[in-house]
Amino acid sequence: MGRLIVTILLILLGMQASGVDPYERNCVACHKKFSPSLEKFFFDYLLKYSSERRVKRALIDYLKNPTRKKAIASEEILKRYGLMPKTHLCDTDLHEAIDRYWEIYKVFGKIK
């Protein structure tokens, strides 16, 4: 049992040290396999929640406890792919991933 815990910890530390952030490792990796675009979801969240604080809060709430009621995806996407599984990220990694997601797709300050 002790060896298993040590092995898991070493794997997790290795992943963290590899320089691949939680957004790339979890969000991008999964959404590459499944079609729904992270960019499309970002703009859907932005349209519905309108501010950085509210978008991030809604994302955290959904990722920690995904339900059909909270889902921003269309019924078609939900029927095809189902609900996203509950996140396994710790709060620190989840916030880091969402902050990175925001920085990549935000439009504020980019429109001239």
PDB file of N, CA and C in Angstrom:
ATOM      1  N   MET A   1       0.835  -1.199   0.000  1.00  0.00           N
ATOM      2  CA  MET A   1       0.000   0.000   0.000  1.00  0.00           C
ATOM      3  C   MET A   1       0.872   1.252   0.000  1.00  0.00           C
ATOM      4  N   GLY A   2       1.933   1.248   0.787  1.00  0.00           N
ATOM      5  CA  GLY A   2       2.827   2.390   0.860  1.00  0.00           C
ATOM      6  C   GLY A   2       3.515   2.670  -0.463  1.00  0.00           C
ATOM      7  N   ARG A   3       3.915   1.591  -1.160  1.00  0.00           N
ATOM      8  CA  ARG A   3       4.564   1.761  -2.461  1.00  0.00           C
ATOM      9  C   ARG A   3       3.610   2.383  -3.473  1.00  0.00           C
ATOM     10  N   LEU A   4       2.347   1.986  -3.423  1.00  0.00           N
ATOM     11  CA  LEU A   4       1.343   2.523  -4.342  1.00  0.00           C
ATOM     12  C   LEU A   4       1.188   4.029  -4.140  1.00  0.00           C
ATOM     13  N   ILE A   5       1.108   4.457  -2.905  1.00  0.00           N
ATOM     14  CA  ILE A   5       0.965   5.883  -2.602  1.00  0.00           C
ATOM     15  C   ILE A   5       2.193   6.653  -3.073  1.00  0.00           C
ATOM     16  N   VAL A   6       3.371   6.111  -2.817  1.00  0.00           N
ATOM     17  CA  VAL A   6       4.603   6.770  -3.245  1.00  0.00           C
ATOM     18  C   VAL A   6       4.650   6.853  -4.767  1.00  0.00           C
ATOM     19  N   THR A   7       4.273   5.785  -5.448  1.00  0.00           N
ATOM     20  CA  THR A   7       4.263   5.776  -6.911  1.00  0.00           C
ATOM     21  C   THR A   7       3.312   6.825  -7.460  1.00  0.00           C
ATOM     22  N   ILE A   8       2.118   6.889  -6.905  1.00  0.00           N
ATOM     23  CA  ILE A   8       1.133   7.882  -7.351  1.00  0.00           C
ATOM     24  C   ILE A   8       1.660   9.294  -7.124  1.00  0.00           C
ATOM     25  N   LEU A   9       2.236   9.539  -5.973  1.00  0.00           N
ATOM     26  CA  LEU A   9       2.802  10.860  -5.688  1.00  0.00           C
ATOM     27  C   LEU A   9       3.917  11.222  -6.657  1.00  0.00           C
ATOM     28  N   LEU A  10       4.774  10.269  -6.975  1.00  0.00           N
ATOM     29  CA  LEU A  10       5.866  10.524  -7.918  1.00  0.00           C
ATOM     30  C   LEU A  10       5.316  10.828  -9.313  1.00  0.00           C
ATOM     31  N   ILE A  11       4.309  10.119  -9.721  1.00  0.00           N
ATOM     32  CA  ILE A  11       3.690  10.379 -11.029  1.00  0.00           C
ATOM     33  C   ILE A  11       3.089  11.774 -11.055  1.00  0.00           C
ATOM     34  N   LEU A  12       2.357  12.127 -10.008  1.00  0.00           N
ATOM     35  CA  LEU A  12       1.748  13.454  -9.945  1.00  0.00           C
ATOM     36  C   LEU A  12       2.797  14.557  -9.927  1.00  0.00           C
ATOM     37  N   LEU A  13       3.849  14.373  -9.168  1.00  0.00           N
ATOM     38  CA  LEU A  13       4.929  15.357  -9.137  1.00  0.00           C
ATOM     39  C   LEU A  13       5.619  15.460 -10.490  1.00  0.00           C
ATOM     40  N   GLY A  14       5.805  14.336 -11.145  1.00  0.00           N
ATOM     41  CA  GLY A  14       6.416  14.332 -12.470  1.00  0.00           C
ATOM     42  C   GLY A  14       5.569  15.069 -13.481  1.00  0.00           C
ATOM     43  N   MET A  15       4.259  14.890 -13.405  1.00  0.00           N
ATOM     44  CA  MET A  15       3.352  15.596 -14.312  1.00  0.00           C
ATOM     45  C   MET A  15       3.424  17.091 -14.045  1.00  0.00           C
ATOM     46  N   GLN A  16       3.459  17.469 -12.795  1.00  0.00           N
ATOM     47  CA  GLN A  16       3.515  18.874 -12.433  1.00  0.00           C
ATOM     48  C   GLN A  16       4.847  19.493 -12.868  1.00  0.00           C
ATOM     49  N   ALA A  17       5.913  18.769 -12.705  1.00  0.00           N
ATOM     50  CA  ALA A  17       7.229  19.277 -13.049  1.00  0.00           C
ATOM     51  C   ALA A  17       7.471  19.294 -14.555  1.00  0.00           C
ATOM     52  N   SER A  18       6.660  18.568 -15.313  1.00  0.00           N
ATOM     53  CA  SER A  18       6.881  18.473 -16.753  1.00  0.00           C
ATOM     54  C   SER A  18       6.583  19.778 -17.476  1.00  0.00           C
ATOM     55  N   GLY A  19       6.035  20.754 -16.775  1.00  0.00           N
ATOM     56  CA  GLY A  19       5.777  22.041 -17.391  1.00  0.00           C
ATOM     57  C   GLY A  19       4.430  22.119 -18.082  1.00  0.00           C
ATOM     58  N   VAL A  20       3.678  21.048 -18.107  1.00  0.00           N
ATOM     59  CA  VAL A  20       2.354  21.073 -18.719  1.00  0.00           C
ATOM     60  C   VAL A  20       1.365  21.504 -17.648  1.00  0.00           C
ATOM     61  N   ASP A  21       0.747  22.647 -17.882  1.00  0.00           N
ATOM     62  CA  ASP A  21      -0.157  23.191 -16.875  1.00  0.00           C
ATOM     63  C   ASP A  21      -1.479  22.416 -16.845  1.00  0.00           C
ATOM     64  N   PRO A  22      -2.271  22.600 -15.791  1.00  0.00           N
ATOM     65  CA  PRO A  22      -3.531  21.868 -15.641  1.00  0.00           C
ATOM     66  C   PRO A  22      -4.511  22.097 -16.795  1.00  0.00           C
ATOM     67  N   TYR A  23      -4.498  23.268 -17.381  1.00  0.00           N
ATOM     68  CA  TYR A  23      -5.391  23.552 -18.515  1.00  0.00           C
ATOM     69  C   TYR A  23      -5.029  22.664 -19.710  1.00  0.00           C
ATOM     70  N   GLU A  24      -3.763  22.642 -20.074  1.00  0.00           N
ATOM     71  CA  GLU A  24      -3.325  21.824 -21.211  1.00  0.00           C
ATOM     72  C   GLU A  24      -3.510  20.341 -20.918  1.00  0.00           C
ATOM     73  N   ARG A  25      -3.111  19.931 -19.732  1.00  0.00           N
ATOM     74  CA  ARG A  25      -3.123  18.523 -19.357  1.00  0.00           C
ATOM     75  C   ARG A  25      -4.537  17.958 -19.243  1.00  0.00           C
ATOM     76  N   ASN A  26      -5.473  18.765 -18.799  1.00  0.00           N
ATOM     77  CA  ASN A  26      -6.819  18.250 -18.542  1.00  0.00           C
ATOM     78  C   ASN A  26      -7.851  18.741 -19.552  1.00  0.00           C
ATOM     79  N   CYS A  27      -7.990  20.031 -19.684  1.00  0.00           N
ATOM     80  CA  CYS A  27      -9.044  20.591 -20.535  1.00  0.00           C
ATOM     81  C   CYS A  27      -8.763  20.345 -22.016  1.00  0.00           C
ATOM     82  N   VAL A  28      -7.615  20.811 -22.472  1.00  0.00           N
ATOM     83  CA  VAL A  28      -7.272  20.698 -23.888  1.00  0.00           C
ATOM     84  C   VAL A  28      -7.150  19.229 -24.297  1.00  0.00           C
ATOM     85  N   ALA A  29      -6.485  18.447 -23.490  1.00  0.00           N
ATOM     86  CA  ALA A  29      -6.294  17.033 -23.819  1.00  0.00           C
ATOM     87  C   ALA A  29      -7.620  16.321 -24.037  1.00  0.00           C
ATOM     88  N   CYS A  30      -8.582  16.587 -23.195  1.00  0.00           N
ATOM     89  CA  CYS A  30      -9.887  15.926 -23.308  1.00  0.00           C
ATOM     90  C   CYS A  30     -10.692  16.490 -24.473  1.00  0.00           C
ATOM     91  N   HIS A  31     -10.713  17.804 -24.615  1.00  0.00           N
ATOM     92  CA  HIS A  31     -11.509  18.418 -25.674  1.00  0.00           C
ATOM     93  C   HIS A  31     -10.924  18.168 -27.058  1.00  0.00           C
ATOM     94  N   LYS A  32      -9.680  17.727 -27.160  1.00  0.00           N
ATOM     95  CA  LYS A  32      -9.124  17.310 -28.448  1.00  0.00           C
ATOM     96  C   LYS A  32      -9.759  15.992 -28.878  1.00  0.00           C
ATOM     97  N   LYS A  33     -10.046  15.131 -27.904  1.00  0.00           N
ATOM     98  CA  LYS A  33     -10.653  13.829 -28.195  1.00  0.00           C
ATOM     99  C   LYS A  33     -12.125  13.983 -28.549  1.00  0.00           C
ATOM    100  N   PHE A  34     -12.790  14.900 -27.866  1.00  0.00           N
ATOM    101  CA  PHE A  34     -14.215  15.109 -28.059  1.00  0.00           C
ATOM    102  C   PHE A  34     -14.411  16.473 -28.692  1.00  0.00           C
ATOM    103  N   SER A  35     -15.291  16.543 -29.619  1.00  0.00           N
ATOM    104  CA  SER A  35     -15.433  17.686 -30.498  1.00  0.00           C
ATOM    105  C   SER A  35     -15.799  19.039 -29.886  1.00  0.00           C
ATOM    106  N   PRO A  36     -16.573  19.143 -28.830  1.00  0.00           N
ATOM    107  CA  PRO A  36     -16.981  20.499 -28.413  1.00  0.00           C
ATOM    108  C   PRO A  36     -15.786  21.426 -28.201  1.00  0.00           C
ATOM    109  N   SER A  37     -15.806  22.545 -28.892  1.00  0.00           N
ATOM    110  CA  SER A  37     -14.701  23.497 -28.868  1.00  0.00           C
ATOM    111  C   SER A  37     -14.674  24.287 -27.562  1.00  0.00           C
ATOM    112  N   LEU A  38     -13.497  24.372 -26.971  1.00  0.00           N
ATOM    113  CA  LEU A  38     -13.336  25.176 -25.764  1.00  0.00           C
ATOM    114  C   LEU A  38     -13.620  26.642 -26.065  1.00  0.00           C
ATOM    115  N   GLU A  39     -13.271  27.098 -27.245  1.00  0.00           N
ATOM    116  CA  GLU A  39     -13.521  28.487 -27.631  1.00  0.00           C
ATOM    117  C   GLU A  39     -15.020  28.775 -27.691  1.00  0.00           C
ATOM    118  N   LYS A  40     -15.781  27.863 -28.288  1.00  0.00           N
ATOM    119  CA  LYS A  40     -17.231  28.043 -28.369  1.00  0.00           C
ATOM    120  C   LYS A  40     -17.851  28.097 -26.974  1.00  0.00           C
ATOM    121  N   PHE A  41     -17.429  27.185 -26.111  1.00  0.00           N
ATOM    122  CA  PHE A  41     -17.961  27.193 -24.750  1.00  0.00           C
ATOM    123  C   PHE A  41     -17.616  28.497 -24.039  1.00  0.00           C
ATOM    124  N   PHE A  42     -16.403  28.996 -24.269  1.00  0.00           N
ATOM    125  CA  PHE A  42     -16.008  30.241 -23.630  1.00  0.00           C
ATOM    126  C   PHE A  42     -16.983  31.361 -23.998  1.00  0.00           C
ATOM    127  N   PHE A  43     -17.265  31.501 -25.276  1.00  0.00           N
ATOM    128  CA  PHE A  43     -18.149  32.584 -25.699  1.00  0.00           C
ATOM    129  C   PHE A  43     -19.588  32.358 -25.241  1.00  0.00           C
ATOM    130  N   ASP A  44     -20.019  31.099 -25.141  1.00  0.00           N
ATOM    131  CA  ASP A  44     -21.344  30.814 -24.585  1.00  0.00           C
ATOM    132  C   ASP A  44     -21.406  31.239 -23.117  1.00  0.00           C
ATOM    133  N   TYR A  45     -20.351  30.922 -22.359  1.00  0.00           N
ATOM    134  CA  TYR A  45     -20.295  31.347 -20.950  1.00  0.00           C
ATOM    135  C   TYR A  45     -20.255  32.869 -20.844  1.00  0.00           C
ATOM    136  N   LEU A  46     -19.480  33.501 -21.697  1.00  0.00           N
ATOM    137  CA  LEU A  46     -19.366  34.955 -21.671  1.00  0.00           C
ATOM    138  C   LEU A  46     -20.700  35.623 -21.993  1.00  0.00           C
ATOM    139  N   LEU A  47     -21.418  35.087 -22.958  1.00  0.00           N
ATOM    140  CA  LEU A  47     -22.739  35.639 -23.294  1.00  0.00           C
ATOM    141  C   LEU A  47     -23.714  35.493 -22.132  1.00  0.00           C
ATOM    142  N   LYS A  48     -23.661  34.361 -21.465  1.00  0.00           N
ATOM    143  CA  LYS A  48     -24.617  34.113 -20.379  1.00  0.00           C
ATOM    144  C   LYS A  48     -24.237  34.845 -19.090  1.00  0.00           C
ATOM    145  N   TYR A  49     -22.961  34.864 -18.741  1.00  0.00           N
ATOM    146  CA  TYR A  49     -22.543  35.379 -17.436  1.00  0.00           C
ATOM    147  C   TYR A  49     -21.881  36.753 -17.485  1.00  0.00           C
ATOM    148  N   SER A  50     -21.404  37.177 -18.616  1.00  0.00           N
ATOM    149  CA  SER A  50     -20.968  38.539 -18.956  1.00  0.00           C
ATOM    150  C   SER A  50     -19.744  39.131 -18.240  1.00  0.00           C
ATOM    151  N   SER A  51     -19.283  38.575 -17.172  1.00  0.00           N
ATOM    152  CA  SER A  51     -18.105  39.144 -16.508  1.00  0.00           C
ATOM    153  C   SER A  51     -17.120  38.037 -16.157  1.00  0.00           C
ATOM    154  N   GLU A  52     -15.864  38.418 -16.003  1.00  0.00           N
ATOM    155  CA  GLU A  52     -14.831  37.450 -15.667  1.00  0.00           C
ATOM    156  C   GLU A  52     -15.168  36.704 -14.374  1.00  0.00           C
ATOM    157  N   ARG A  53     -15.539  37.446 -13.352  1.00  0.00           N
ATOM    158  CA  ARG A  53     -15.836  36.830 -12.051  1.00  0.00           C
ATOM    159  C   ARG A  53     -16.989  35.835 -12.149  1.00  0.00           C
ATOM    160  N   ARG A  54     -18.060  36.218 -12.836  1.00  0.00           N
ATOM    161  CA  ARG A  54     -19.236  35.344 -12.942  1.00  0.00           C
ATOM    162  C   ARG A  54     -18.975  34.131 -13.830  1.00  0.00           C
ATOM    163  N   VAL A  55     -18.208  34.326 -14.917  1.00  0.00           N
ATOM    164  CA  VAL A  55     -17.860  33.199 -15.793  1.00  0.00           C
ATOM    165  C   VAL A  55     -17.036  32.178 -15.017  1.00  0.00           C
ATOM    166  N   LYS A  56     -16.016  32.655 -14.324  1.00  0.00           N
ATOM    167  CA  LYS A  56     -15.148  31.751 -13.575  1.00  0.00           C
ATOM    168  C   LYS A  56     -15.911  31.028 -12.473  1.00  0.00           C
ATOM    169  N   ARG A  57     -16.787  31.740 -11.788  1.00  0.00           N
ATOM    170  CA  ARG A  57     -17.586  31.116 -10.728  1.00  0.00           C
ATOM    171  C   ARG A  57     -18.491  30.024 -11.303  1.00  0.00           C
ATOM    172  N   ALA A  58     -19.124  30.303 -12.453  1.00  0.00           N
ATOM    173  CA  ALA A  58     -20.013  29.327 -13.094  1.00  0.00           C
ATOM    174  C   ALA A  58     -19.217  28.100 -13.555  1.00  0.00           C
ATOM    175  N   LEU A  59     -18.037  28.321 -14.107  1.00  0.00           N
ATOM    176  CA  LEU A  59     -17.200  27.204 -14.548  1.00  0.00           C
ATOM    177  C   LEU A  59     -16.788  26.320 -13.375  1.00  0.00           C
ATOM    178  N   ILE A  60     -16.351  26.943 -12.305  1.00  0.00           N
ATOM    179  CA  ILE A  60     -15.941  26.171 -11.124  1.00  0.00           C
ATOM    180  C   ILE A  60     -17.119  25.369 -10.583  1.00  0.00           C
ATOM    181  N   ASP A  61     -18.271  26.004 -10.478  1.00  0.00           N
ATOM    182  CA  ASP A  61     -19.463  25.336  -9.972  1.00  0.00           C
ATOM    183  C   ASP A  61     -19.835  24.149 -10.853  1.00  0.00           C
ATOM    184  N   TYR A  62     -19.797  24.347 -12.167  1.00  0.00           N
ATOM    185  CA  TYR A  62     -20.157  23.265 -13.084  1.00  0.00           C
ATOM    186  C   TYR A  62     -19.126  22.130 -13.040  1.00  0.00           C
ATOM    187  N   LEU A  63     -17.865  22.472 -13.079  1.00  0.00           N
ATOM    188  CA  LEU A  63     -16.829  21.443 -13.127  1.00  0.00           C
ATOM    189  C   LEU A  63     -16.771  20.603 -11.845  1.00  0.00           C
ATOM    190  N   LYS A  64     -17.090  21.227 -10.728  1.00  0.00           N
ATOM    191  CA  LYS A  64     -17.088  20.481  -9.463  1.00  0.00           C
ATOM    192  C   LYS A  64     -18.328  19.593  -9.316  1.00  0.00           C
ATOM    193  N   ASN A  65     -19.434  20.026  -9.933  1.00  0.00           N
ATOM    194  CA  ASN A  65     -20.675  19.269  -9.810  1.00  0.00           C
ATOM    195  C   ASN A  65     -21.521  19.448 -11.073  1.00  0.00           C
ATOM    196  N   PRO A  66     -21.141  18.776 -12.164  1.00  0.00           N
ATOM    197  CA  PRO A  66     -21.861  18.961 -13.427  1.00  0.00           C
ATOM    198  C   PRO A  66     -23.293  18.398 -13.377  1.00  0.00           C
ATOM    199  N   THR A  67     -24.234  19.217 -13.793  1.00  0.00           N
ATOM    200  CA  THR A  67     -25.627  18.787 -13.912  1.00  0.00           C
ATOM    201  C   THR A  67     -26.175  19.337 -15.223  1.00  0.00           C
ATOM    202  N   ARG A  68     -27.262  18.763 -15.706  1.00  0.00           N
ATOM    203  CA  ARG A  68     -27.892  19.243 -16.936  1.00  0.00           C
ATOM    204  C   ARG A  68     -28.371  20.683 -16.761  1.00  0.00           C
ATOM    205  N   LYS A  69     -28.839  20.999 -15.579  1.00  0.00           N
ATOM    206  CA  LYS A  69     -29.342  22.352 -15.330  1.00  0.00           C
ATOM    207  C   LYS A  69     -28.218  23.388 -15.456  1.00  0.00           C
ATOM    208  N   LYS A  70     -27.034  23.056 -15.000  1.00  0.00           N
ATOM    209  CA  LYS A  70     -25.899  23.986 -15.047  1.00  0.00           C
ATOM    210  C   LYS A  70     -25.194  23.987 -16.406  1.00  0.00           C
ATOM    211  N   ALA A  71     -25.427  22.963 -17.209  1.00  0.00           N
ATOM    212  CA  ALA A  71     -24.702  22.820 -18.472  1.00  0.00           C
ATOM    213  C   ALA A  71     -25.042  23.955 -19.430  1.00  0.00           C
ATOM    214  N   ILE A  72     -24.039  24.458 -20.088  1.00  0.00           N
ATOM    215  CA  ILE A  72     -24.229  25.518 -21.061  1.00  0.00           C
ATOM    216  C   ILE A  72     -24.282  24.932 -22.479  1.00  0.00           C
ATOM    217  N   ALA A  73     -23.894  23.688 -22.620  1.00  0.00           N
ATOM    218  CA  ALA A  73     -23.910  23.006 -23.918  1.00  0.00           C
ATOM    219  C   ALA A  73     -25.351  22.798 -24.377  1.00  0.00           C
ATOM    220  N   SER A  74     -25.518  22.747 -25.679  1.00  0.00           N
ATOM    221  CA  SER A  74     -26.845  22.516 -26.258  1.00  0.00           C
ATOM    222  C   SER A  74     -27.299  21.088 -25.966  1.00  0.00           C
ATOM    223  N   GLU A  75     -28.590  20.861 -26.085  1.00  0.00           N
ATOM    224  CA  GLU A  75     -29.144  19.519 -25.880  1.00  0.00           C
ATOM    225  C   GLU A  75     -28.509  18.528 -26.847  1.00  0.00           C
ATOM    226  N   GLU A  76     -28.250  18.979 -28.068  1.00  0.00           N
ATOM    227  CA  GLU A  76     -27.625  18.117 -29.074  1.00  0.00           C
ATOM    228  C   GLU A  76     -26.255  17.628 -28.606  1.00  0.00           C
ATOM    229  N   ILE A  77     -25.453  18.544 -28.089  1.00  0.00           N
ATOM    230  CA  ILE A  77     -24.121  18.173 -27.595  1.00  0.00           C
ATOM    231  C   ILE A  77     -24.243  17.273 -26.377  1.00  0.00           C
ATOM    232  N   LEU A  78     -25.178  17.590 -25.486  1.00  0.00           N
ATOM    233  CA  LEU A  78     -25.359  16.752 -24.293  1.00  0.00           C
ATOM    234  C   LEU A  78     -25.808  15.341 -24.669  1.00  0.00           C
ATOM    235  N   LYS A  79     -26.672  15.227 -25.672  1.00  0.00           N
ATOM    236  CA  LYS A  79     -27.121  13.893 -26.111  1.00  0.00           C
ATOM    237  C   LYS A  79     -25.962  13.119 -26.733  1.00  0.00           C
ATOM    238  N   ARG A  80     -25.133  13.813 -27.490  1.00  0.00           N
ATOM    239  CA  ARG A  80     -24.038  13.146 -28.187  1.00  0.00           C
ATOM    240  C   ARG A  80     -22.891  12.760 -27.248  1.00  0.00           C
ATOM    241  N   TYR A  81     -22.502  13.683 -26.356  1.00  0.00           N
ATOM    242  CA  TYR A  81     -21.332  13.452 -25.507  1.00  0.00           C
ATOM    243  C   TYR A  81     -21.659  13.206 -24.042  1.00  0.00           C
ATOM    244  N   GLY A  82     -22.857  13.557 -23.628  1.00  0.00           N
ATOM    245  CA  GLY A  82     -23.224  13.422 -22.223  1.00  0.00           C
ATOM    246  C   GLY A  82     -22.637  14.551 -21.396  1.00  0.00           C
ATOM    247  N   LEU A  83     -22.915  14.509 -20.112  1.00  0.00           N
ATOM    248  CA  LEU A  83     -22.349  15.508 -19.203  1.00  0.00           C
ATOM    249  C   LEU A  83     -20.865  15.250 -19.013  1.00  0.00           C
ATOM    250  N   MET A  84     -20.162  16.306 -18.784  1.00  0.00           N
ATOM    251  CA  MET A  84     -18.748  16.192 -18.475  1.00  0.00           C
ATOM    252  C   MET A  84     -18.605  15.513 -17.115  1.00  0.00           C
ATOM    253  N   PRO A  85     -17.614  14.666 -16.950  1.00  0.00           N
ATOM    254  CA  PRO A  85     -17.428  14.066 -15.624  1.00  0.00           C
ATOM    255  C   PRO A  85     -16.968  15.115 -14.609  1.00  0.00           C
ATOM    256  N   LYS A  86     -17.265  14.864 -13.362  1.00  0.00           N
ATOM    257  CA  LYS A  86     -16.847  15.749 -12.277  1.00  0.00           C
ATOM    258  C   LYS A  86     -15.322  15.866 -12.287  1.00  0.00           C
ATOM    259  N   THR A  87     -14.818  17.072 -12.077  1.00  0.00           N
ATOM    260  CA  THR A  87     -13.372  17.286 -12.103  1.00  0.00           C
ATOM    261  C   THR A  87     -12.673  16.545 -10.978  1.00  0.00           C
ATOM    262  N   HIS A  88     -11.465  16.120 -11.266  1.00  0.00           N
ATOM    263  CA  HIS A  88     -10.624  15.485 -10.251  1.00  0.00           C
ATOM    264  C   HIS A  88      -9.496  16.425  -9.838  1.00  0.00           C
ATOM    265  N   LEU A  89      -9.510  17.643 -10.380  1.00  0.00           N
ATOM    266  CA  LEU A  89      -8.468  18.616 -10.055  1.00  0.00           C
ATOM    267  C   LEU A  89      -8.657  19.186  -8.651  1.00  0.00           C
ATOM    268  N   CYS A  90      -7.557  19.447  -7.980  1.00  0.00           N
ATOM    269  CA  CYS A  90      -7.632  20.144  -6.696  1.00  0.00           C
ATOM    270  C   CYS A  90      -8.014  21.598  -6.986  1.00  0.00           C
ATOM    271  N   ASP A  91      -8.440  22.323  -5.977  1.00  0.00           N
ATOM    272  CA  ASP A  91      -8.885  23.704  -6.167  1.00  0.00           C
ATOM    273  C   ASP A  91      -7.809  24.586  -6.796  1.00  0.00           C
ATOM    274  N   THR A  92      -6.570  24.411  -6.388  1.00  0.00           N
ATOM    275  CA  THR A  92      -5.480  25.218  -6.934  1.00  0.00           C
ATOM    276  C   THR A  92      -5.331  24.997  -8.435  1.00  0.00           C
ATOM    277  N   ASP A  93      -5.293  23.738  -8.862  1.00  0.00           N
ATOM    278  CA  ASP A  93      -5.165  23.430 -10.290  1.00  0.00           C
ATOM    279  C   ASP A  93      -6.400  23.854 -11.071  1.00  0.00           C
ATOM    280  N   LEU A  94      -7.566  23.695 -10.471  1.00  0.00           N
ATOM    281  CA  LEU A  94      -8.805  24.101 -11.138  1.00  0.00           C
ATOM    282  C   LEU A  94      -8.812  25.602 -11.390  1.00  0.00           C
ATOM    283  N   HIS A  95      -8.456  26.375 -10.400  1.00  0.00           N
ATOM    284  CA  HIS A  95      -8.400  27.832 -10.563  1.00  0.00           C
ATOM    285  C   HIS A  95      -7.328  28.232 -11.584  1.00  0.00           C
ATOM    286  N   GLU A  96      -6.190  27.551 -11.545  1.00  0.00           N
ATOM    287  CA  GLU A  96      -5.127  27.835 -12.508  1.00  0.00           C
ATOM    288  C   GLU A  96      -5.593  27.541 -13.938  1.00  0.00           C
ATOM    289  N   ALA A  97      -6.277  26.416 -14.120  1.00  0.00           N
ATOM    290  CA  ALA A  97      -6.774  26.042 -15.451  1.00  0.00           C
ATOM    291  C   ALA A  97      -7.805  27.050 -15.952  1.00  0.00           C
ATOM    292  N   ILE A  98      -8.700  27.464 -15.083  1.00  0.00           N
ATOM    293  CA  ILE A  98      -9.731  28.419 -15.479  1.00  0.00           C
ATOM    294  C   ILE A  98      -9.129  29.795 -15.750  1.00  0.00           C
ATOM    295  N   ASP A  99      -8.159  30.197 -14.959  1.00  0.00           N
ATOM    296  CA  ASP A  99      -7.477  31.473 -15.221  1.00  0.00           C
ATOM    297  C   ASP A  99      -6.787  31.434 -16.579  1.00  0.00           C
ATOM    298  N   ARG A 100      -6.130  30.343 -16.902  1.00  0.00           N
ATOM    299  CA  ARG A 100      -5.452  30.208 -18.199  1.00  0.00           C
ATOM    300  C   ARG A 100      -6.470  30.228 -19.337  1.00  0.00           C
ATOM    301  N   TYR A 101      -7.570  29.506 -19.154  1.00  0.00           N
ATOM    302  CA  TYR A 101      -8.663  29.473 -20.136  1.00  0.00           C
ATOM    303  C   TYR A 101      -9.158  30.890 -20.405  1.00  0.00           C
ATOM    304  N   TRP A 102      -9.368  31.646 -19.348  1.00  0.00           N
ATOM    305  CA  TRP A 102      -9.831  33.028 -19.481  1.00  0.00           C
ATOM    306  C   TRP A 102      -8.816  33.859 -20.276  1.00  0.00           C
ATOM    307  N   GLU A 103      -7.557  33.745 -19.933  1.00  0.00           N
ATOM    308  CA  GLU A 103      -6.516  34.541 -20.598  1.00  0.00           C
ATOM    309  C   GLU A 103      -6.405  34.216 -22.083  1.00  0.00           C
ATOM    310  N   ILE A 104      -6.596  32.982 -22.444  1.00  0.00           N
ATOM    311  CA  ILE A 104      -6.480  32.577 -23.848  1.00  0.00           C
ATOM    312  C   ILE A 104      -7.618  33.156 -24.694  1.00  0.00           C
ATOM    313  N   TYR A 105      -8.844  33.102 -24.189  1.00  0.00           N
ATOM    314  CA  TYR A 105     -10.001  33.447 -25.016  1.00  0.00           C
ATOM    315  C   TYR A 105     -10.645  34.793 -24.720  1.00  0.00           C
ATOM    316  N   LYS A 106     -10.221  35.477 -23.676  1.00  0.00           N
ATOM    317  CA  LYS A 106     -10.869  36.750 -23.347  1.00  0.00           C
ATOM    318  C   LYS A 106     -10.788  37.717 -24.528  1.00  0.00           C
ATOM    319  N   VAL A 107     -11.810  38.544 -24.657  1.00  0.00           N
ATOM    320  CA  VAL A 107     -11.816  39.522 -25.736  1.00  0.00           C
ATOM    321  C   VAL A 107     -11.487  40.908 -25.212  1.00  0.00           C
ATOM    322  N   PHE A 108     -11.636  41.109 -23.922  1.00  0.00           N
ATOM    323  CA  PHE A 108     -11.377  42.402 -23.322  1.00  0.00           C
ATOM    324  C   PHE A 108      -9.906  42.761 -23.477  1.00  0.00           C
ATOM    325  N   GLY A 109      -9.639  43.937 -23.973  1.00  0.00           N
ATOM    326  CA  GLY A 109      -8.275  44.384 -24.162  1.00  0.00           C
ATOM    327  C   GLY A 109      -7.656  43.912 -25.471  1.00  0.00           C
ATOM    328  N   LYS A 110      -8.364  43.060 -26.208  1.00  0.00           N
ATOM    329  CA  LYS A 110      -7.849  42.565 -27.487  1.00  0.00           C
ATOM    330  C   LYS A 110      -8.522  43.267 -28.679  1.00  0.00           C
ATOM    331  N   ILE A 111      -9.691  43.830 -28.428  1.00  0.00           N
ATOM    332  CA  ILE A 111     -10.441  44.506 -29.501  1.00  0.00           C
ATOM    333  C   ILE A 111      -9.916  45.936 -29.621  1.00  0.00           C
ATOM    334  N   LYS A 112      -9.600  46.342 -30.824  1.00  0.00           N
ATOM    335  CA  LYS A 112      -9.071  47.700 -31.045  1.00  0.00           C
ATOM    336  C   LYS A 112     -10.033  48.514 -31.873  1.00  0.00           C
TER     337      LYS A 112
END
